[in-house]
Amino acid sequence: MAMSVVLTRLYLDTATLIWNGNAISGLKALSDFFESLPSSEFQINVVDCQPVHEQATQSQTTVLVVTCGTVKFDGNKQRYFNQNFLLTAQVMPNSTVWKIASDCFRFQDWSS
C-alpha cells in the first residue's frame, strides 16, 4: 500500500492541509501531494495538545495538536518546522475514530 494512501486515511474527506501557505483540499489532492514529496526523516521535539471548546466546533469533540521539530527531505538539508492540526472525534457504532480536520505545516527557516 502506498504511503500516500496510509496518510490520507488519517484525514477527513473534507480536510484541508496548508503547506507553507498553499492549500490542498480533499483526499485525492492530499494523496497526490503526499505522493509528490521525497522520502523524509522527521524528528519531533515538542507536542502540545489541548481541547477546543465545543462552542467553537458545533459540539464536535476536537483537540488542537501543536508540534515542532526538524525534517530532512531526501537530497536536502535539515529544516525546522512547526505543524498544527485539529483532530476531531468521529463516533462510529462500536468505536470512536480520530481524524484530521485541518492541518497547517510551515518551515521555520529560510531555504538556501
PDB file of N, CA and C in Angstrom:
ATOM      1  N   MET A   1       0.855  -1.180   0.000  1.00  0.00           N
ATOM      2  CA  MET A   1       0.000   0.000   0.000  1.00  0.00           C
ATOM      3  C   MET A   1       0.898   1.239   0.000  1.00  0.00           C
ATOM      4  N   ALA A   2       0.590   2.184  -0.839  1.00  0.00           N
ATOM      5  CA  ALA A   2       1.384   3.405  -0.951  1.00  0.00           C
ATOM      6  C   ALA A   2       1.248   4.235   0.321  1.00  0.00           C
ATOM      7  N   MET A   3       2.349   4.901   0.693  1.00  0.00           N
ATOM      8  CA  MET A   3       2.347   5.729   1.899  1.00  0.00           C
ATOM      9  C   MET A   3       1.294   6.823   1.824  1.00  0.00           C
ATOM     10  N   SER A   4       1.042   7.367   0.623  1.00  0.00           N
ATOM     11  CA  SER A   4       0.047   8.435   0.490  1.00  0.00           C
ATOM     12  C   SER A   4      -1.342   7.936   0.868  1.00  0.00           C
ATOM     13  N   VAL A   5      -1.659   6.677   0.565  1.00  0.00           N
ATOM     14  CA  VAL A   5      -2.960   6.104   0.929  1.00  0.00           C
ATOM     15  C   VAL A   5      -3.056   5.964   2.443  1.00  0.00           C
ATOM     16  N   VAL A   6      -1.980   5.526   3.073  1.00  0.00           N
ATOM     17  CA  VAL A   6      -1.957   5.391   4.527  1.00  0.00           C
ATOM     18  C   VAL A   6      -2.137   6.759   5.185  1.00  0.00           C
ATOM     19  N   LEU A   7      -1.443   7.768   4.706  1.00  0.00           N
ATOM     20  CA  LEU A   7      -1.557   9.105   5.288  1.00  0.00           C
ATOM     21  C   LEU A   7      -2.952   9.691   5.117  1.00  0.00           C
ATOM     22  N   THR A   8      -3.550   9.529   3.945  1.00  0.00           N
ATOM     23  CA  THR A   8      -4.870  10.126   3.726  1.00  0.00           C
ATOM     24  C   THR A   8      -5.944   9.476   4.586  1.00  0.00           C
ATOM     25  N   ARG A   9      -5.731   8.273   5.053  1.00  0.00           N
ATOM     26  CA  ARG A   9      -6.683   7.631   5.966  1.00  0.00           C
ATOM     27  C   ARG A   9      -6.808   8.403   7.281  1.00  0.00           C
ATOM     28  N   LEU A  10      -5.814   9.206   7.598  1.00  0.00           N
ATOM     29  CA  LEU A  10      -5.826   9.990   8.838  1.00  0.00           C
ATOM     30  C   LEU A  10      -6.702  11.234   8.729  1.00  0.00           C
ATOM     31  N   TYR A  11      -7.095  11.611   7.520  1.00  0.00           N
ATOM     32  CA  TYR A  11      -7.796  12.863   7.262  1.00  0.00           C
ATOM     33  C   TYR A  11      -9.287  12.643   6.994  1.00  0.00           C
ATOM     34  N   LEU A  12     -10.097  13.630   7.385  1.00  0.00           N
ATOM     35  CA  LEU A  12     -11.500  13.650   6.976  1.00  0.00           C
ATOM     36  C   LEU A  12     -11.569  13.826   5.460  1.00  0.00           C
ATOM     37  N   ASP A  13     -12.650  13.388   4.854  1.00  0.00           N
ATOM     38  CA  ASP A  13     -12.831  13.559   3.404  1.00  0.00           C
ATOM     39  C   ASP A  13     -12.763  15.027   2.996  1.00  0.00           C
ATOM     40  N   THR A  14     -13.178  15.917   3.891  1.00  0.00           N
ATOM     41  CA  THR A  14     -13.239  17.357   3.595  1.00  0.00           C
ATOM     42  C   THR A  14     -12.048  18.135   4.167  1.00  0.00           C
ATOM     43  N   ALA A  15     -11.025  17.437   4.624  1.00  0.00           N
ATOM     44  CA  ALA A  15      -9.888  18.089   5.279  1.00  0.00           C
ATOM     45  C   ALA A  15      -9.101  18.987   4.327  1.00  0.00           C
ATOM     46  N   THR A  16      -8.457  19.992   4.928  1.00  0.00           N
ATOM     47  CA  THR A  16      -7.554  20.875   4.189  1.00  0.00           C
ATOM     48  C   THR A  16      -6.198  20.873   4.879  1.00  0.00           C
ATOM     49  N   LEU A  17      -5.145  20.763   4.079  1.00  0.00           N
ATOM     50  CA  LEU A  17      -3.767  20.898   4.536  1.00  0.00           C
ATOM     51  C   LEU A  17      -3.248  22.215   3.970  1.00  0.00           C
ATOM     52  N   ILE A  18      -2.683  23.041   4.833  1.00  0.00           N
ATOM     53  CA  ILE A  18      -1.992  24.250   4.386  1.00  0.00           C
ATOM     54  C   ILE A  18      -0.500  23.950   4.506  1.00  0.00           C
ATOM     55  N   TRP A  19       0.184  23.842   3.387  1.00  0.00           N
ATOM     56  CA  TRP A  19       1.612  23.501   3.351  1.00  0.00           C
ATOM     57  C   TRP A  19       2.380  24.759   2.957  1.00  0.00           C
ATOM     58  N   ASN A  20       3.020  25.393   3.936  1.00  0.00           N
ATOM     59  CA  ASN A  20       3.774  26.618   3.689  1.00  0.00           C
ATOM     60  C   ASN A  20       2.953  27.644   2.920  1.00  0.00           C
ATOM     61  N   GLY A  21       1.702  27.813   3.333  1.00  0.00           N
ATOM     62  CA  GLY A  21       0.830  28.819   2.741  1.00  0.00           C
ATOM     63  C   GLY A  21       0.017  28.361   1.547  1.00  0.00           C
ATOM     64  N   ASN A  22       0.191  27.131   1.088  1.00  0.00           N
ATOM     65  CA  ASN A  22      -0.530  26.605  -0.066  1.00  0.00           C
ATOM     66  C   ASN A  22      -1.577  25.593   0.383  1.00  0.00           C
ATOM     67  N   ALA A  23      -2.839  25.829   0.027  1.00  0.00           N
ATOM     68  CA  ALA A  23      -3.940  24.977   0.459  1.00  0.00           C
ATOM     69  C   ALA A  23      -4.097  23.756  -0.444  1.00  0.00           C
ATOM     70  N   ILE A  24      -4.305  22.596   0.195  1.00  0.00           N
ATOM     71  CA  ILE A  24      -4.581  21.349  -0.504  1.00  0.00           C
ATOM     72  C   ILE A  24      -5.822  20.762   0.167  1.00  0.00           C
ATOM     73  N   SER A  25      -6.893  20.563  -0.588  1.00  0.00           N
ATOM     74  CA  SER A  25      -8.153  20.085  -0.008  1.00  0.00           C
ATOM     75  C   SER A  25      -8.638  18.826  -0.704  1.00  0.00           C
ATOM     76  N   GLY A  26      -9.227  17.935   0.076  1.00  0.00           N
ATOM     77  CA  GLY A  26      -9.802  16.700  -0.463  1.00  0.00           C
ATOM     78  C   GLY A  26      -8.796  15.565  -0.487  1.00  0.00           C
ATOM     79  N   LEU A  27      -9.297  14.361  -0.338  1.00  0.00           N
ATOM     80  CA  LEU A  27      -8.410  13.197  -0.214  1.00  0.00           C
ATOM     81  C   LEU A  27      -7.585  12.929  -1.462  1.00  0.00           C
ATOM     82  N   LYS A  28      -8.141  13.116  -2.648  1.00  0.00           N
ATOM     83  CA  LYS A  28      -7.380  12.869  -3.887  1.00  0.00           C
ATOM     84  C   LYS A  28      -6.212  13.851  -4.000  1.00  0.00           C
ATOM     85  N   ALA A  29      -6.485  15.131  -3.753  1.00  0.00           N
ATOM     86  CA  ALA A  29      -5.417  16.143  -3.818  1.00  0.00           C
ATOM     87  C   ALA A  29      -4.366  15.888  -2.743  1.00  0.00           C
ATOM     88  N   LEU A  30      -4.802  15.491  -1.535  1.00  0.00           N
ATOM     89  CA  LEU A  30      -3.844  15.176  -0.463  1.00  0.00           C
ATOM     90  C   LEU A  30      -2.981  13.980  -0.852  1.00  0.00           C
ATOM     91  N   SER A  31      -3.602  12.947  -1.390  1.00  0.00           N
ATOM     92  CA  SER A  31      -2.859  11.761  -1.820  1.00  0.00           C
ATOM     93  C   SER A  31      -1.822  12.120  -2.880  1.00  0.00           C
ATOM     94  N   ASP A  32      -2.228  12.900  -3.878  1.00  0.00           N
ATOM     95  CA  ASP A  32      -1.295  13.324  -4.933  1.00  0.00           C
ATOM     96  C   ASP A  32      -0.145  14.136  -4.351  1.00  0.00           C
ATOM     97  N   PHE A  33      -0.456  15.029  -3.402  1.00  0.00           N
ATOM     98  CA  PHE A  33       0.577  15.854  -2.788  1.00  0.00           C
ATOM     99  C   PHE A  33       1.568  14.992  -2.005  1.00  0.00           C
ATOM    100  N   PHE A  34       1.053  14.098  -1.153  1.00  0.00           N
ATOM    101  CA  PHE A  34       1.940  13.238  -0.359  1.00  0.00           C
ATOM    102  C   PHE A  34       2.810  12.371  -1.261  1.00  0.00           C
ATOM    103  N   GLU A  35       2.241  11.918  -2.360  1.00  0.00           N
ATOM    104  CA  GLU A  35       2.986  11.087  -3.303  1.00  0.00           C
ATOM    105  C   GLU A  35       4.119  11.877  -3.963  1.00  0.00           C
ATOM    106  N   SER A  36       3.949  13.191  -4.105  1.00  0.00           N
ATOM    107  CA  SER A  36       4.964  14.028  -4.760  1.00  0.00           C
ATOM    108  C   SER A  36       6.144  14.372  -3.840  1.00  0.00           C
ATOM    109  N   LEU A  37       5.974  14.170  -2.536  1.00  0.00           N
ATOM    110  CA  LEU A  37       7.053  14.507  -1.606  1.00  0.00           C
ATOM    111  C   LEU A  37       8.167  13.471  -1.663  1.00  0.00           C
ATOM    112  N   PRO A  38       9.421  13.914  -1.548  1.00  0.00           N
ATOM    113  CA  PRO A  38      10.522  12.944  -1.472  1.00  0.00           C
ATOM    114  C   PRO A  38      10.496  12.237  -0.118  1.00  0.00           C
ATOM    115  N   SER A  39      11.229  11.159   0.003  1.00  0.00           N
ATOM    116  CA  SER A  39      11.302  10.479   1.300  1.00  0.00           C
ATOM    117  C   SER A  39      11.866  11.453   2.333  1.00  0.00           C
ATOM    118  N   SER A  40      11.525  11.231   3.594  1.00  0.00           N
ATOM    119  CA  SER A  40      11.890  12.197   4.626  1.00  0.00           C
ATOM    120  C   SER A  40      12.143  11.519   5.966  1.00  0.00           C
ATOM    121  N   GLU A  41      12.834  12.252   6.829  1.00  0.00           N
ATOM    122  CA  GLU A  41      13.051  11.838   8.214  1.00  0.00           C
ATOM    123  C   GLU A  41      12.612  12.989   9.099  1.00  0.00           C
ATOM    124  N   PHE A  42      11.640  12.734   9.971  1.00  0.00           N
ATOM    125  CA  PHE A  42      11.139  13.752  10.889  1.00  0.00           C
ATOM    126  C   PHE A  42      11.652  13.482  12.295  1.00  0.00           C
ATOM    127  N   GLN A  43      11.993  14.539  12.998  1.00  0.00           N
ATOM    128  CA  GLN A  43      12.337  14.487  14.423  1.00  0.00           C
ATOM    129  C   GLN A  43      11.365  15.432  15.125  1.00  0.00           C
ATOM    130  N   ILE A  44      10.485  14.891  15.956  1.00  0.00           N
ATOM    131  CA  ILE A  44       9.527  15.708  16.693  1.00  0.00           C
ATOM    132  C   ILE A  44      10.160  16.092  18.023  1.00  0.00           C
ATOM    133  N   ASN A  45      10.261  17.395  18.292  1.00  0.00           N
ATOM    134  CA  ASN A  45      10.870  17.877  19.528  1.00  0.00           C
ATOM    135  C   ASN A  45       9.836  18.216  20.602  1.00  0.00           C
ATOM    136  N   VAL A  46       8.662  18.709  20.193  1.00  0.00           N
ATOM    137  CA  VAL A  46       7.635  19.130  21.133  1.00  0.00           C
ATOM    138  C   VAL A  46       6.267  18.753  20.570  1.00  0.00           C
ATOM    139  N   VAL A  47       5.390  18.270  21.442  1.00  0.00           N
ATOM    140  CA  VAL A  47       3.983  18.057  21.096  1.00  0.00           C
ATOM    141  C   VAL A  47       3.156  18.625  22.237  1.00  0.00           C
ATOM    142  N   ASP A  48       2.248  19.529  21.916  1.00  0.00           N
ATOM    143  CA  ASP A  48       1.310  20.085  22.885  1.00  0.00           C
ATOM    144  C   ASP A  48      -0.098  19.836  22.371  1.00  0.00           C
ATOM    145  N   CYS A  49      -1.011  19.517  23.284  1.00  0.00           N
ATOM    146  CA  CYS A  49      -2.406  19.263  22.914  1.00  0.00           C
ATOM    147  C   CYS A  49      -3.333  19.981  23.873  1.00  0.00           C
ATOM    148  N   GLN A  50      -4.470  20.427  23.348  1.00  0.00           N
ATOM    149  CA  GLN A  50      -5.493  21.000  24.215  1.00  0.00           C
ATOM    150  C   GLN A  50      -6.846  20.842  23.552  1.00  0.00           C
ATOM    151  N   PRO A  51      -7.888  20.648  24.367  1.00  0.00           N
ATOM    152  CA  PRO A  51      -9.228  20.541  23.784  1.00  0.00           C
ATOM    153  C   PRO A  51      -9.687  21.880  23.237  1.00  0.00           C
ATOM    154  N   VAL A  52     -10.500  21.824  22.196  1.00  0.00           N
ATOM    155  CA  VAL A  52     -11.116  23.019  21.628  1.00  0.00           C
ATOM    156  C   VAL A  52     -12.537  23.080  22.181  1.00  0.00           C
ATOM    157  N   HIS A  53     -12.937  24.244  22.676  1.00  0.00           N
ATOM    158  CA  HIS A  53     -14.254  24.389  23.293  1.00  0.00           C
ATOM    159  C   HIS A  53     -15.350  24.001  22.309  1.00  0.00           C
ATOM    160  N   GLU A  54     -16.336  23.268  22.794  1.00  0.00           N
ATOM    161  CA  GLU A  54     -17.417  22.769  21.931  1.00  0.00           C
ATOM    162  C   GLU A  54     -18.216  23.874  21.250  1.00  0.00           C
ATOM    163  N   GLN A  55     -18.261  25.064  21.839  1.00  0.00           N
ATOM    164  CA  GLN A  55     -18.951  26.175  21.175  1.00  0.00           C
ATOM    165  C   GLN A  55     -18.276  26.550  19.862  1.00  0.00           C
ATOM    166  N   ALA A  56     -16.973  26.350  19.774  1.00  0.00           N
ATOM    167  CA  ALA A  56     -16.224  26.696  18.565  1.00  0.00           C
ATOM    168  C   ALA A  56     -16.285  25.594  17.512  1.00  0.00           C
ATOM    169  N   THR A  57     -16.746  24.398  17.889  1.00  0.00           N
ATOM    170  CA  THR A  57     -16.735  23.261  16.954  1.00  0.00           C
ATOM    171  C   THR A  57     -18.113  22.629  16.777  1.00  0.00           C
ATOM    172  N   GLN A  58     -19.153  23.380  17.058  1.00  0.00           N
ATOM    173  CA  GLN A  58     -20.524  22.891  16.912  1.00  0.00           C
ATOM    174  C   GLN A  58     -20.728  21.572  17.663  1.00  0.00           C
ATOM    175  N   SER A  59     -20.238  21.541  18.908  1.00  0.00           N
ATOM    176  CA  SER A  59     -20.351  20.388  19.816  1.00  0.00           C
ATOM    177  C   SER A  59     -19.597  19.144  19.341  1.00  0.00           C
ATOM    178  N   GLN A  60     -18.687  19.309  18.382  1.00  0.00           N
ATOM    179  CA  GLN A  60     -17.854  18.197  17.908  1.00  0.00           C
ATOM    180  C   GLN A  60     -16.620  18.106  18.816  1.00  0.00           C
ATOM    181  N   THR A  61     -16.346  16.928  19.378  1.00  0.00           N
ATOM    182  CA  THR A  61     -15.170  16.754  20.217  1.00  0.00           C
ATOM    183  C   THR A  61     -13.918  16.936  19.366  1.00  0.00           C
ATOM    184  N   THR A  62     -13.101  17.949  19.702  1.00  0.00           N
ATOM    185  CA  THR A  62     -11.950  18.322  18.875  1.00  0.00           C
ATOM    186  C   THR A  62     -10.769  18.671  19.767  1.00  0.00           C
ATOM    187  N   VAL A  63      -9.583  18.330  19.310  1.00  0.00           N
ATOM    188  CA  VAL A  63      -8.345  18.614  20.026  1.00  0.00           C
ATOM    189  C   VAL A  63      -7.386  19.328  19.076  1.00  0.00           C
ATOM    190  N   LEU A  64      -6.758  20.407  19.565  1.00  0.00           N
ATOM    191  CA  LEU A  64      -5.711  21.098  18.821  1.00  0.00           C
ATOM    192  C   LEU A  64      -4.373  20.467  19.197  1.00  0.00           C
ATOM    193  N   VAL A  65      -3.596  20.070  18.189  1.00  0.00           N
ATOM    194  CA  VAL A  65      -2.269  19.486  18.402  1.00  0.00           C
ATOM    195  C   VAL A  65      -1.251  20.406  17.747  1.00  0.00           C
ATOM    196  N   VAL A  66      -0.228  20.791  18.512  1.00  0.00           N
ATOM    197  CA  VAL A  66       0.836  21.666  18.028  1.00  0.00           C
ATOM    198  C   VAL A  66       2.150  20.907  18.156  1.00  0.00           C
ATOM    199  N   THR A  67       2.896  20.809  17.063  1.00  0.00           N
ATOM    200  CA  THR A  67       4.180  20.110  17.078  1.00  0.00           C
ATOM    201  C   THR A  67       5.263  20.992  16.468  1.00  0.00           C
ATOM    202  N   CYS A  68       6.487  20.722  16.822  1.00  0.00           N
ATOM    203  CA  CYS A  68       7.621  21.338  16.139  1.00  0.00           C
ATOM    204  C   CYS A  68       8.790  20.377  16.190  1.00  0.00           C
ATOM    205  N   GLY A  69       9.699  20.567  15.254  1.00  0.00           N
ATOM    206  CA  GLY A  69      10.850  19.682  15.175  1.00  0.00           C
ATOM    207  C   GLY A  69      11.664  19.989  13.938  1.00  0.00           C
ATOM    208  N   THR A  70      12.313  18.946  13.426  1.00  0.00           N
ATOM    209  CA  THR A  70      13.121  19.090  12.219  1.00  0.00           C
ATOM    210  C   THR A  70      12.704  18.014  11.213  1.00  0.00           C
ATOM    211  N   VAL A  71      12.917  18.327   9.947  1.00  0.00           N
ATOM    212  CA  VAL A  71      12.662  17.367   8.872  1.00  0.00           C
ATOM    213  C   VAL A  71      13.808  17.464   7.878  1.00  0.00           C
ATOM    214  N   LYS A  72      14.181  16.312   7.354  1.00  0.00           N
ATOM    215  CA  LYS A  72      15.182  16.266   6.289  1.00  0.00           C
ATOM    216  C   LYS A  72      14.569  15.488   5.140  1.00  0.00           C
ATOM    217  N   PHE A  73      14.284  16.217   4.042  1.00  0.00           N
ATOM    218  CA  PHE A  73      13.789  15.571   2.837  1.00  0.00           C
ATOM    219  C   PHE A  73      14.984  15.083   2.038  1.00  0.00           C
ATOM    220  N   ASP A  74      14.822  13.936   1.392  1.00  0.00           N
ATOM    221  CA  ASP A  74      15.892  13.312   0.620  1.00  0.00           C
ATOM    222  C   ASP A  74      16.563  14.329  -0.306  1.00  0.00           C
ATOM    223  N   GLY A  75      17.887  14.457  -0.183  1.00  0.00           N
ATOM    224  CA  GLY A  75      18.641  15.358  -1.050  1.00  0.00           C
ATOM    225  C   GLY A  75      18.671  16.802  -0.581  1.00  0.00           C
ATOM    226  N   ASN A  76      18.070  17.113   0.555  1.00  0.00           N
ATOM    227  CA  ASN A  76      18.029  18.485   1.064  1.00  0.00           C
ATOM    228  C   ASN A  76      18.588  18.538   2.488  1.00  0.00           C
ATOM    229  N   LYS A  77      18.872  19.755   2.930  1.00  0.00           N
ATOM    230  CA  LYS A  77      19.373  19.934   4.290  1.00  0.00           C
ATOM    231  C   LYS A  77      18.229  19.829   5.297  1.00  0.00           C
ATOM    232  N   GLN A  78      18.590  19.576   6.536  1.00  0.00           N
ATOM    233  CA  GLN A  78      17.610  19.527   7.617  1.00  0.00           C
ATOM    234  C   GLN A  78      16.992  20.903   7.827  1.00  0.00           C
ATOM    235  N   ARG A  79      15.663  20.939   8.063  1.00  0.00           N
ATOM    236  CA  ARG A  79      14.963  22.210   8.267  1.00  0.00           C
ATOM    237  C   ARG A  79      14.068  22.113   9.491  1.00  0.00           C
ATOM    238  N   TYR A  80      13.861  23.258  10.138  1.00  0.00           N
ATOM    239  CA  TYR A  80      12.931  23.339  11.260  1.00  0.00           C
ATOM    240  C   TYR A  80      11.518  23.544  10.729  1.00  0.00           C
ATOM    241  N   PHE A  81      10.540  22.969  11.433  1.00  0.00           N
ATOM    242  CA  PHE A  81       9.145  23.156  11.038  1.00  0.00           C
ATOM    243  C   PHE A  81       8.270  23.252  12.277  1.00  0.00           C
ATOM    244  N   ASN A  82       7.070  23.781  12.078  1.00  0.00           N
ATOM    245  CA  ASN A  82       6.023  23.609  13.073  1.00  0.00           C
ATOM    246  C   ASN A  82       4.774  23.178  12.337  1.00  0.00           C
ATOM    247  N   GLN A  83       3.928  22.442  13.049  1.00  0.00           N
ATOM    248  CA  GLN A  83       2.713  21.905  12.447  1.00  0.00           C
ATOM    249  C   GLN A  83       1.604  21.938  13.493  1.00  0.00           C
ATOM    250  N   ASN A  84       0.461  22.446  13.084  1.00  0.00           N
ATOM    251  CA  ASN A  84      -0.721  22.495  13.943  1.00  0.00           C
ATOM    252  C   ASN A  84      -1.833  21.748  13.238  1.00  0.00           C
ATOM    253  N   PHE A  85      -2.532  20.905  13.959  1.00  0.00           N
ATOM    254  CA  PHE A  85      -3.683  20.269  13.331  1.00  0.00           C
ATOM    255  C   PHE A  85      -4.801  20.050  14.332  1.00  0.00           C
ATOM    256  N   LEU A  86      -6.005  19.994  13.780  1.00  0.00           N
ATOM    257  CA  LEU A  86      -7.198  19.741  14.573  1.00  0.00           C
ATOM    258  C   LEU A  86      -7.621  18.293  14.367  1.00  0.00           C
ATOM    259  N   LEU A  87      -7.691  17.550  15.478  1.00  0.00           N
ATOM    260  CA  LEU A  87      -8.200  16.186  15.455  1.00  0.00           C
ATOM    261  C   LEU A  87      -9.640  16.222  15.924  1.00  0.00           C
ATOM    262  N   THR A  88     -10.513  15.561  15.211  1.00  0.00           N
ATOM    263  CA  THR A  88     -11.922  15.537  15.578  1.00  0.00           C
ATOM    264  C   THR A  88     -12.388  14.091  15.720  1.00  0.00           C
ATOM    265  N   ALA A  89     -13.217  13.853  16.723  1.00  0.00           N
ATOM    266  CA  ALA A  89     -13.716  12.508  17.000  1.00  0.00           C
ATOM    267  C   ALA A  89     -14.858  12.162  16.058  1.00  0.00           C
ATOM    268  N   GLN A  90     -14.737  11.040  15.385  1.00  0.00           N
ATOM    269  CA  GLN A  90     -15.795  10.518  14.523  1.00  0.00           C
ATOM    270  C   GLN A  90     -16.375   9.300  15.235  1.00  0.00           C
ATOM    271  N   VAL A  91     -17.561   9.456  15.797  1.00  0.00           N
ATOM    272  CA  VAL A  91     -18.171   8.394  16.592  1.00  0.00           C
ATOM    273  C   VAL A  91     -18.841   7.392  15.665  1.00  0.00           C
ATOM    274  N   MET A  92     -18.401   6.144  15.754  1.00  0.00           N
ATOM    275  CA  MET A  92     -18.964   5.036  14.987  1.00  0.00           C
ATOM    276  C   MET A  92     -19.824   4.201  15.946  1.00  0.00           C
ATOM    277  N   PRO A  93     -20.634   3.283  15.426  1.00  0.00           N
ATOM    278  CA  PRO A  93     -21.476   2.480  16.321  1.00  0.00           C
ATOM    279  C   PRO A  93     -20.693   1.741  17.417  1.00  0.00           C
ATOM    280  N   ASN A  94     -19.507   1.225  17.091  1.00  0.00           N
ATOM    281  CA  ASN A  94     -18.755   0.429  18.063  1.00  0.00           C
ATOM    282  C   ASN A  94     -17.429   1.042  18.482  1.00  0.00           C
ATOM    283  N   SER A  95     -17.117   2.233  17.993  1.00  0.00           N
ATOM    284  CA  SER A  95     -15.826   2.835  18.331  1.00  0.00           C
ATOM    285  C   SER A  95     -15.820   4.319  17.998  1.00  0.00           C
ATOM    286  N   THR A  96     -14.749   4.969  18.397  1.00  0.00           N
ATOM    287  CA  THR A  96     -14.511   6.364  18.034  1.00  0.00           C
ATOM    288  C   THR A  96     -13.205   6.419  17.262  1.00  0.00           C
ATOM    289  N   VAL A  97     -13.243   7.074  16.102  1.00  0.00           N
ATOM    290  CA  VAL A  97     -12.054   7.215  15.265  1.00  0.00           C
ATOM    291  C   VAL A  97     -11.712   8.699  15.212  1.00  0.00           C
ATOM    292  N   TRP A  98     -10.445   9.022  15.442  1.00  0.00           N
ATOM    293  CA  TRP A  98      -9.984  10.408  15.388  1.00  0.00           C
ATOM    294  C   TRP A  98      -9.430  10.688  14.000  1.00  0.00           C
ATOM    295  N   LYS A  99      -9.869  11.795  13.403  1.00  0.00           N
ATOM    296  CA  LYS A  99      -9.430  12.181  12.061  1.00  0.00           C
ATOM    297  C   LYS A  99      -8.934  13.621  12.068  1.00  0.00           C
ATOM    298  N   ILE A 100      -8.033  13.936  11.146  1.00  0.00           N
ATOM    299  CA  ILE A 100      -7.526  15.299  10.995  1.00  0.00           C
ATOM    300  C   ILE A 100      -8.523  16.088  10.167  1.00  0.00           C
ATOM    301  N   ALA A 101      -9.013  17.193  10.742  1.00  0.00           N
ATOM    302  CA  ALA A 101      -9.956  18.066  10.038  1.00  0.00           C
ATOM    303  C   ALA A 101      -9.217  19.194   9.329  1.00  0.00           C
ATOM    304  N   SER A 102      -8.131  19.665   9.940  1.00  0.00           N
ATOM    305  CA  SER A 102      -7.362  20.780   9.394  1.00  0.00           C
ATOM    306  C   SER A 102      -5.909  20.598   9.807  1.00  0.00           C
ATOM    307  N   ASP A 103      -4.988  20.894   8.901  1.00  0.00           N
ATOM    308  CA  ASP A 103      -3.562  20.666   9.125  1.00  0.00           C
ATOM    309  C   ASP A 103      -2.793  21.848   8.544  1.00  0.00           C
ATOM    310  N   CYS A 104      -1.892  22.407   9.315  1.00  0.00           N
ATOM    311  CA  CYS A 104      -1.100  23.542   8.848  1.00  0.00           C
ATOM    312  C   CYS A 104       0.375  23.272   9.144  1.00  0.00           C
ATOM    313  N   PHE A 105       1.176  23.149   8.079  1.00  0.00           N
ATOM    314  CA  PHE A 105       2.611  22.854   8.178  1.00  0.00           C
ATOM    315  C   PHE A 105       3.382  24.051   7.649  1.00  0.00           C
ATOM    316  N   ARG A 106       4.434  24.443   8.374  1.00  0.00           N
ATOM    317  CA  ARG A 106       5.232  25.590   7.919  1.00  0.00           C
ATOM    318  C   ARG A 106       6.690  25.372   8.311  1.00  0.00           C
ATOM    319  N   PHE A 107       7.601  25.576   7.319  1.00  0.00           N
ATOM    320  CA  PHE A 107       9.031  25.615   7.636  1.00  0.00           C
ATOM    321  C   PHE A 107       9.307  26.849   8.469  1.00  0.00           C
ATOM    322  N   GLN A 108      10.238  26.763   9.404  1.00  0.00           N
ATOM    323  CA  GLN A 108      10.549  27.888  10.291  1.00  0.00           C
ATOM    324  C   GLN A 108      11.874  28.550   9.954  1.00  0.00           C
ATOM    325  N   ASP A 109      12.520  28.107   8.899  1.00  0.00           N
ATOM    326  CA  ASP A 109      13.773  28.735   8.479  1.00  0.00           C
ATOM    327  C   ASP A 109      13.694  28.986   6.974  1.00  0.00           C
ATOM    328  N   TRP A 110      14.550  29.823   6.476  1.00  0.00           N
ATOM    329  CA  TRP A 110      14.558  30.133   5.051  1.00  0.00           C
ATOM    330  C   TRP A 110      15.390  29.093   4.322  1.00  0.00           C
ATOM    331  N   SER A 111      14.879  28.610   3.217  1.00  0.00           N
ATOM    332  CA  SER A 111      15.622  27.677   2.396  1.00  0.00           C
ATOM    333  C   SER A 111      16.755  28.429   1.698  1.00  0.00           C
ATOM    334  N   SER A 112      17.920  27.798   1.670  1.00  0.00           N
ATOM    335  CA  SER A 112      19.036  28.474   0.988  1.00  0.00           C
ATOM    336  C   SER A 112      19.402  27.768  -0.293  1.00  0.00           C
TER     337      SER A 112
END
